[in-house]
Protein backbone atom coordinates (compact mmCIF):
# COMPACT_ATOMS: atom_id res chain seq x y z
CA MET A 1 -20.77 -0.46 -8.96
CA LEU A 2 -18.28 -1.26 -6.54
CA LYS A 3 -17.71 -4.74 -8.73
CA THR A 4 -16.95 -2.74 -11.66
CA GLU A 5 -15.53 0.43 -10.89
CA SER A 6 -11.25 0.43 -10.19
CA ASP A 7 -10.82 4.45 -9.97
CA SER A 8 -10.27 5.39 -6.32
CA GLU A 9 -12.28 8.85 -6.62
CA SER A 10 -15.07 7.13 -8.04
CA LEU A 11 -14.89 4.06 -5.57
CA SER A 12 -15.22 6.61 -2.62
CA VAL A 13 -17.65 8.66 -4.04
CA ILE A 14 -20.02 5.31 -4.07
CA LEU A 15 -18.63 4.38 -0.54
CA SER A 16 -19.82 7.85 0.67
CA ILE A 17 -23.67 6.90 -0.23
CA LEU A 18 -23.01 3.47 1.08
CA ALA A 19 -22.47 4.87 4.30
CA ASN A 20 -25.73 6.41 4.46
CA TYR A 21 -27.05 2.71 4.66
CA ARG A 22 -27.97 0.49 7.81
CA THR A 23 -26.46 -2.93 7.56
CA SER A 24 -30.14 -4.24 7.82
CA GLU A 25 -31.09 -2.50 4.67
CA ILE A 26 -28.05 -4.66 2.78
CA SER A 27 -28.56 -8.31 1.91
CA GLU A 28 -26.49 -10.93 3.51
CA SER A 29 -24.31 -11.62 0.70
CA ASP A 30 -23.92 -8.01 -0.33
CA LEU A 31 -22.45 -7.46 3.04
CA ARG A 32 -19.96 -10.04 3.07
CA TYR A 33 -18.95 -8.44 -0.17
CA VAL A 34 -18.90 -5.18 1.19
CA ASN A 35 -16.85 -5.92 4.10
CA LEU A 36 -14.07 -8.23 2.04
CA ARG A 37 -14.02 -5.17 -0.27
CA LEU A 38 -13.39 -2.78 2.25
CA ARG A 39 -11.53 -4.75 4.31
CA ASP A 40 -8.87 -5.14 1.57
CA TRP A 41 -8.93 -1.36 0.61
CA SER A 42 -8.22 -0.52 4.07
CA ASN A 43 -5.09 -2.98 3.75
CA SER A 44 -3.69 -2.06 0.47
CA SER A 45 -5.19 1.03 -0.85
CA LYS A 46 -2.47 3.40 -1.92
CA ASP A 47 -5.06 6.48 -2.35
CA ALA A 48 -5.55 8.54 0.91
CA ILE A 49 -9.38 9.26 -0.33
CA LEU A 50 -10.04 5.62 -0.66
CA LEU A 51 -8.32 4.52 2.13
CA ASN A 52 -9.82 7.24 4.71
CA MET A 53 -13.37 6.94 2.88
CA THR A 54 -13.07 3.23 3.31
CA ASN A 55 -12.59 3.49 7.21
CA TYR A 56 -15.02 5.78 7.58
CA CYS A 57 -17.66 3.60 5.73
CA LEU A 58 -16.29 0.90 7.92
CA ALA A 59 -17.06 2.68 11.08
CA LYS A 60 -20.67 3.48 9.63
CA LEU A 61 -21.16 -0.15 9.42
CA GLY A 62 -19.58 -0.74 12.79
CA GLU A 63 -16.73 -2.63 11.31
CA ALA A 64 -13.84 -0.35 12.26
CA LEU A 65 -10.20 -0.90 12.21
CA PRO A 66 -7.79 0.12 14.73
CA ILE A 67 -5.72 3.09 13.47
CA GLU A 68 -3.03 0.91 14.79
CA SER A 69 -3.29 -1.69 12.30
CA VAL A 70 -3.61 0.71 9.32
CA ALA A 71 -0.43 2.43 10.49
CA GLN A 72 1.43 -1.09 9.91
CA ASN A 73 0.61 -1.40 6.45
CA VAL A 74 1.58 1.46 4.30
CA PRO A 75 1.87 -0.28 0.73
CA PRO A 76 4.80 0.80 -1.67
CA GLY A 77 3.69 4.12 -3.68
CA ALA A 78 1.03 5.28 -1.42
CA ASN A 79 0.28 8.96 -1.28
CA TRP A 80 0.00 8.93 2.46
CA SER A 81 2.32 7.60 5.45
CA PHE A 82 2.12 7.90 9.29
CA ASN A 83 4.69 9.21 11.96
CA SER A 84 5.84 8.25 15.12
CA VAL A 85 2.63 9.61 16.90
CA GLY A 86 0.29 8.05 15.00
CA MET A 87 -0.55 11.06 12.94
CA GLN A 88 -1.10 10.36 8.93
CA PHE A 89 0.24 12.65 6.50
CA VAL A 90 -1.15 12.70 2.65
CA ASN A 91 0.98 13.92 0.04
CA ILE A 92 -0.72 16.96 -2.32
CA GLN A 93 0.14 17.40 -5.76
CA VAL A 94 -0.21 20.83 -6.16
CA PRO A 95 -1.23 23.12 -9.60
CA GLU A 96 0.62 25.92 -10.81
CA LYS A 97 -1.42 28.19 -8.96
CA VAL A 98 -4.21 28.56 -6.50
CA LEU A 99 -6.88 31.05 -5.37
CA VAL A 100 -6.16 32.47 -1.91
CA GLY A 101 -7.68 34.98 0.26
CA LYS A 102 -10.47 35.81 2.61
CA GLY A 103 -13.80 36.32 0.83
CA GLU A 104 -14.23 36.83 -2.73
CA SER A 105 -12.98 40.26 -2.88
CA GLN A 106 -9.89 39.74 -1.75
CA LEU A 107 -8.77 36.39 -3.59
CA ILE A 108 -5.77 36.21 -5.14
CA TRP A 109 -4.03 33.79 -7.69
CA THR A 110 -0.97 32.16 -5.38
CA ARG A 111 1.69 29.67 -6.52
CA ILE A 112 2.92 27.16 -4.07
CA GLY A 113 6.76 26.50 -4.75
CA ARG A 114 6.64 23.02 -3.32
CA ARG A 115 5.07 19.54 -3.02
CA TYR A 116 4.07 19.06 0.48
CA SER A 117 2.34 16.80 2.77
CA ILE A 118 -0.34 17.89 5.22
CA SER A 119 -1.66 15.90 8.26
CA SER A 120 -5.13 14.19 7.62
CA THR A 121 -6.55 15.35 10.98
CA GLU A 122 -6.19 18.12 13.33
CA VAL A 123 -3.58 17.41 16.18
CA THR A 124 -5.56 15.09 18.70
CA GLY A 125 -4.96 15.11 22.45
CA ASP A 126 -3.60 11.57 22.25
CA GLN A 127 -0.80 12.95 20.06
CA PHE A 128 -0.31 16.11 21.96
CA ALA A 129 0.11 14.15 25.33
CA GLU A 130 3.88 13.16 25.57
CA PHE A 131 4.69 16.73 24.14
CA TYR A 132 2.29 18.25 26.86
CA LEU A 133 4.47 16.50 29.71
CA ASP A 134 7.69 17.65 28.16
CA LEU A 135 9.56 19.56 31.29
CA ARG A 136 10.34 22.10 28.57
CA PHE A 137 6.95 22.86 27.70
CA GLN A 138 5.65 22.69 31.42
CA SER A 139 8.76 25.15 32.30
CA TRP A 140 7.62 27.55 29.73
CA ILE A 141 3.74 27.59 30.88
CA ALA A 142 5.14 27.67 34.72
CA GLU A 143 6.53 31.21 33.71
CA ASN A 144 3.35 32.99 32.94
CA ARG A 145 0.71 30.44 33.66
CA GLN A 146 -2.23 33.05 33.29
CA ARG A 147 -1.28 33.75 29.69
CA ARG A 148 0.41 30.56 28.60
CA TRP A 149 -2.81 28.38 29.89
CA CYS A 150 -3.08 25.01 28.03
CA GLN A 151 -5.18 22.07 29.21
CA LEU A 152 -4.48 18.61 27.34
CA VAL A 153 -7.50 17.35 25.13
CA GLU A 154 -8.43 13.40 26.14
CA GLY A 155 -8.22 11.11 23.52
CA ASN A 156 -9.30 11.58 19.76
CA LYS A 157 -10.60 14.98 19.81
CA PRO A 158 -8.52 17.77 18.77
CA GLN A 159 -6.04 19.81 20.92
CA HIS A 160 -7.74 22.85 21.36
CA ALA A 161 -6.46 26.44 23.36
CA VAL A 162 -3.32 25.76 21.17
CA SER A 163 -1.32 29.44 20.21
CA TRP A 164 0.87 29.72 17.39
CA ILE A 165 3.96 29.91 19.66
CA VAL A 166 2.55 26.49 21.27
CA ALA A 167 2.12 24.89 17.83
CA VAL A 168 5.75 25.96 16.68
CA LYS A 169 7.07 24.30 19.76
CA TYR A 170 5.09 21.24 18.96
CA CYS A 171 6.61 20.99 15.73
CA GLN A 172 10.25 21.19 17.07
CA TRP A 173 9.57 18.64 19.76
CA LEU A 174 8.34 16.32 16.86
CA ASN A 175 11.57 16.91 14.86
CA GLU A 176 13.84 16.39 17.82
CA ARG A 177 11.39 13.10 18.91
CA GLU A 178 12.03 11.98 15.07
CA LYS A 179 15.83 12.74 15.25
CA ILE A 180 15.11 15.18 11.84
CA PRO A 181 18.61 16.60 11.27
CA GLU A 182 18.99 20.24 12.86
CA ARG A 183 19.46 21.66 9.43
CA GLU A 184 15.87 20.82 8.39
CA TRP A 185 14.39 22.25 11.43
CA CYS A 186 12.00 25.16 10.23
CA TYR A 187 12.06 27.56 13.23
CA ASP A 188 14.79 29.74 15.11
CA ASN A 189 14.28 30.49 18.91
CA VAL A 190 11.95 27.69 19.83
CA TRP A 191 13.59 27.10 23.49
CA GLY A 192 15.55 30.11 23.35
CA GLU A 193 15.25 33.69 24.63
CA LYS A 194 12.55 34.53 27.07
CA ASP A 195 9.82 36.16 26.04
CA THR A 196 11.09 36.44 22.05
CA ASN A 197 8.91 34.43 19.69
CA PRO A 198 10.14 32.10 17.58
CA VAL A 199 10.53 32.89 13.87
CA PRO A 200 10.16 30.88 10.95
CA LYS A 201 13.62 30.51 9.32
CA PRO A 202 14.04 32.67 6.22
CA ASP A 203 13.82 29.43 4.05
CA HIS A 204 11.82 27.46 6.16
CA LEU A 205 9.60 26.46 3.11
CA LYS A 206 12.50 24.36 1.58
CA LEU A 207 13.48 22.44 4.79
CA LYS A 208 12.12 19.07 5.46
CA GLY A 209 11.24 19.25 9.29
CA TYR A 210 7.59 19.58 10.40
CA ARG A 211 6.16 23.19 10.61
CA LEU A 212 2.76 24.48 9.96
CA PRO A 213 1.38 24.85 6.53
CA THR A 214 1.20 28.42 4.44
CA GLU A 215 -2.42 29.67 4.25
CA ALA A 216 -1.88 29.02 0.17
CA GLU A 217 -1.15 25.27 1.23
CA TRP A 218 -4.10 25.30 3.86
CA ALA A 219 -6.45 26.44 1.48
CA PHE A 220 -5.72 24.25 -1.65
CA ALA A 221 -5.67 20.97 1.02
CA CYS A 222 -9.00 22.08 2.20
CA SER A 223 -10.59 22.85 -1.21
CA GLY A 224 -9.81 19.34 -2.08
CA GLY A 225 -9.37 20.60 -6.05
CA SER A 226 -12.65 22.42 -6.28
CA GLU A 227 -13.32 26.18 -6.56
CA ASP A 228 -16.44 26.06 -5.22
CA LEU A 229 -17.27 28.04 -1.85
CA TRP A 230 -16.58 24.19 0.00
CA HIS A 231 -14.79 21.20 -1.15
CA TYR A 232 -18.46 19.71 -1.18
CA GLY A 233 -20.05 21.97 -3.67
CA ASN A 234 -22.31 25.23 -2.95
CA ASN A 235 -24.69 23.65 -0.93
CA GLU A 236 -24.31 24.51 3.02
CA THR A 237 -26.72 21.92 4.05
CA HIS A 238 -24.17 19.03 3.05
CA SER A 239 -22.08 20.51 5.80
CA LYS A 240 -23.45 17.74 8.38
CA TYR A 241 -21.88 15.01 6.49
CA TYR A 242 -18.22 16.70 6.01
CA GLU A 243 -17.59 19.22 9.01
CA TRP A 244 -18.41 20.17 12.49
CA ASN A 245 -20.31 23.28 12.15
CA GLU A 246 -23.56 24.80 13.95
CA PRO A 247 -26.16 23.67 14.81
CA HIS A 248 -24.93 19.92 14.34
CA ALA A 249 -21.74 20.15 16.29
CA ALA A 250 -23.82 21.29 19.22
CA ASN A 251 -21.51 23.76 20.42
CA LYS A 252 -18.82 21.41 21.04
CA SER A 253 -15.74 20.22 18.94
CA ARG A 254 -16.01 16.58 18.18
CA GLU A 255 -13.51 13.49 17.64
CA VAL A 256 -11.64 13.70 14.35
CA ALA A 257 -12.25 11.63 11.39
CA THR A 258 -15.84 11.07 12.30
CA LEU A 259 -17.29 12.42 9.36
CA ARG A 260 -16.49 12.12 5.77
CA PRO A 261 -13.01 13.48 4.26
CA ASN A 262 -12.63 15.66 1.73
CA PRO A 263 -11.48 14.67 -2.36
CA PHE A 264 -7.64 14.54 -0.66
CA GLY A 265 -8.48 12.45 2.20
CA LEU A 266 -8.28 15.28 4.67
CA PHE A 267 -10.88 15.46 7.58
CA ASP A 268 -12.22 18.58 9.50
CA MET A 269 -10.67 21.19 7.33
CA SER A 270 -13.93 23.63 7.60
CA GLY A 271 -15.05 22.53 10.94
CA ASN A 272 -14.15 21.59 14.28
CA LEU A 273 -11.35 24.30 15.00
CA ALA A 274 -9.64 26.82 13.25
CA GLU A 275 -6.07 26.07 12.35
CA TRP A 276 -2.92 28.05 12.55
CA THR A 277 -0.79 28.74 9.41
CA ASP A 278 2.54 29.94 8.99
CA SER A 279 1.44 32.85 6.95
CA SER A 280 1.78 36.17 8.49
CA PHE A 281 -1.40 38.58 7.86
CA GLN A 282 -0.92 41.28 5.11
CA GLN A 283 -3.43 42.59 2.98
CA THR A 284 -3.46 40.72 -0.56
CA LEU A 285 -3.23 43.48 -3.21
CA ARG A 286 -1.63 42.56 -6.17
CA PRO A 287 0.94 44.48 -7.59
CA LEU A 288 0.98 45.82 -11.08
CA PHE A 289 1.95 43.91 -14.04
CA GLN A 290 1.91 40.86 -11.45
CA SER A 291 -0.33 38.15 -12.01
CA PHE A 292 -0.08 35.84 -9.02
CA LEU A 293 2.49 35.78 -5.78
CA GLU A 294 4.42 33.38 -4.30
CA ASP A 295 2.96 31.91 -1.23
CA SER A 296 5.93 32.66 1.33
CA ARG A 297 4.91 36.02 2.90
CA GLU A 298 7.59 37.26 5.44
CA PRO A 299 6.70 39.38 8.23
CA THR A 300 7.98 42.85 8.36
CA SER A 301 8.47 43.03 11.86
CA GLU A 302 8.23 40.59 15.40
CA ARG A 303 6.14 43.24 16.90
CA THR A 304 3.48 43.74 14.50
CA MET A 305 3.55 39.86 13.20
CA PHE A 306 -0.08 38.47 13.12
CA TYR A 307 -0.57 34.76 11.71
CA VAL A 308 -3.59 33.48 9.57
CA LEU A 309 -5.99 31.29 11.51
CA ALA A 310 -7.81 29.11 8.71
CA GLY A 311 -10.71 27.37 8.40
CA GLY A 312 -14.13 27.30 10.22
CA ARG A 313 -14.94 26.18 13.95
CA PHE A 314 -17.77 24.16 15.87
CA LYS A 315 -19.24 28.02 17.10
CA GLN A 316 -19.68 29.04 13.18
CA SER A 317 -22.23 28.08 10.74
CA ALA A 318 -21.22 26.38 7.47
CA LEU A 319 -21.49 29.60 5.61
CA SER A 320 -18.87 31.40 7.91
CA SER A 321 -16.69 28.40 7.21
CA VAL A 322 -16.13 28.53 3.56
CA THR A 323 -12.85 27.49 2.03
CA SER A 324 -11.55 31.01 2.13
CA ALA A 325 -12.61 31.63 5.56
CA SER A 326 -9.54 33.02 7.86
CA THR A 327 -8.94 35.34 10.45
CA ALA A 328 -5.68 36.85 11.87
CA ASN A 329 -4.23 37.07 15.38
CA ALA A 330 -1.14 37.51 17.66
CA PRO A 331 1.11 34.44 17.98
CA GLU A 332 0.28 34.51 21.52
CA TYR A 333 -3.59 34.11 20.98
CA SER A 334 -5.44 30.86 21.67
CA SER A 335 -9.09 29.93 22.66
CA ILE A 336 -11.18 26.90 23.04
CA THR A 337 -11.64 27.08 19.13
CA THR A 338 -8.25 27.11 17.99
CA GLY A 339 -5.99 24.12 16.80
CA PHE A 340 -3.52 22.83 14.22
CA ARG A 341 -2.26 20.58 11.67
CA LEU A 342 1.06 19.78 10.49
CA ALA A 343 2.99 19.82 7.03
CA ARG A 344 6.03 19.05 5.39
CA THR A 345 7.56 20.20 2.24
CA ILE A 346 8.75 17.09 0.21
CA GLU A 347 10.15 18.25 -2.87
CA VAL A 348 10.70 22.10 -3.87
CA LEU A 349 9.57 22.81 -7.61
CA GLU A 350 11.63 24.35 -10.30
CA GLN A 351 10.21 27.95 -10.59
CA SER A 352 9.06 29.86 -13.71
CA PRO A 353 8.93 33.42 -14.20
CA ILE A 354 5.44 35.05 -12.88
CA ASN A 355 6.14 38.88 -12.95
CA SER A 356 5.41 38.84 -16.92
CA ALA A 357 2.46 40.51 -18.23
CA GLU A 358 2.11 37.64 -20.60
CA LYS A 359 1.28 35.44 -17.42
């Protein structure tokens, strides 16, 4: 099948199955062929799902390539890229509307008015380390160590104990590190007044800087385009192949990208850590004569602002970590189960009327 299939999605499914085999169960000639094909795709695939499933399969076969070697070989026209700290971003093609909300009773059709990219993994300790040592961040922690405690995680594990405020400061630090023009920065007051939280700019979803994904962007990316309970279907026992949940997580977070990616090539969307979004918490009641909503929800006031934490956690069961799973908390909140991944706007899409009864 590997010799005859050419479609990236079909090939990634075959590789997902192949990863279940031990090398001793594959003939020597077939193993040579598999290794050649996998190394070729790892160096030349334009599609994130094939690339990331390939590298997962290589790791399972004991032939993993260093991420640095992959980062040097982004082919023209690829739907993925790497940034300056080795973070892979995957471009997401959005449909006209997506289902968003907590639980089946609160789901509502929502429109994402832009093409965007999202990091394929949660931000890791290695990717967080340089920011963690930044003097501005350390000074900010020193102002109130009890409330702003944040301990660096080592290696390729996801950085935990991250509040919404810390995640936004990281976005700003990365904007500055990569010399992104100030007009494209997405937040105000990131390093400004003491005891005053950063806030998203009114038009921040139109800007090209680093930011957190909206709840709708996150939910669609997590779903992999599926309307099932999870991106891998409706069978919770399959969680062990894709997401770090209980019981197989054994009550601790795990290194990112060590289980299979979802159909968009993204890892750990419904497990490991819950992830901050840029959406303020509001009850999603559909107004009369309005079939679906825009995904930009501005908070009514900073004092009452809560942000949505999306996705499952290593301490939760798969059933508690469905695509629509979310909670909300104050921007200062953090725990060993809170982390984040980043997003960027690629292109703002032309809008069509959505408030008509015909829709």
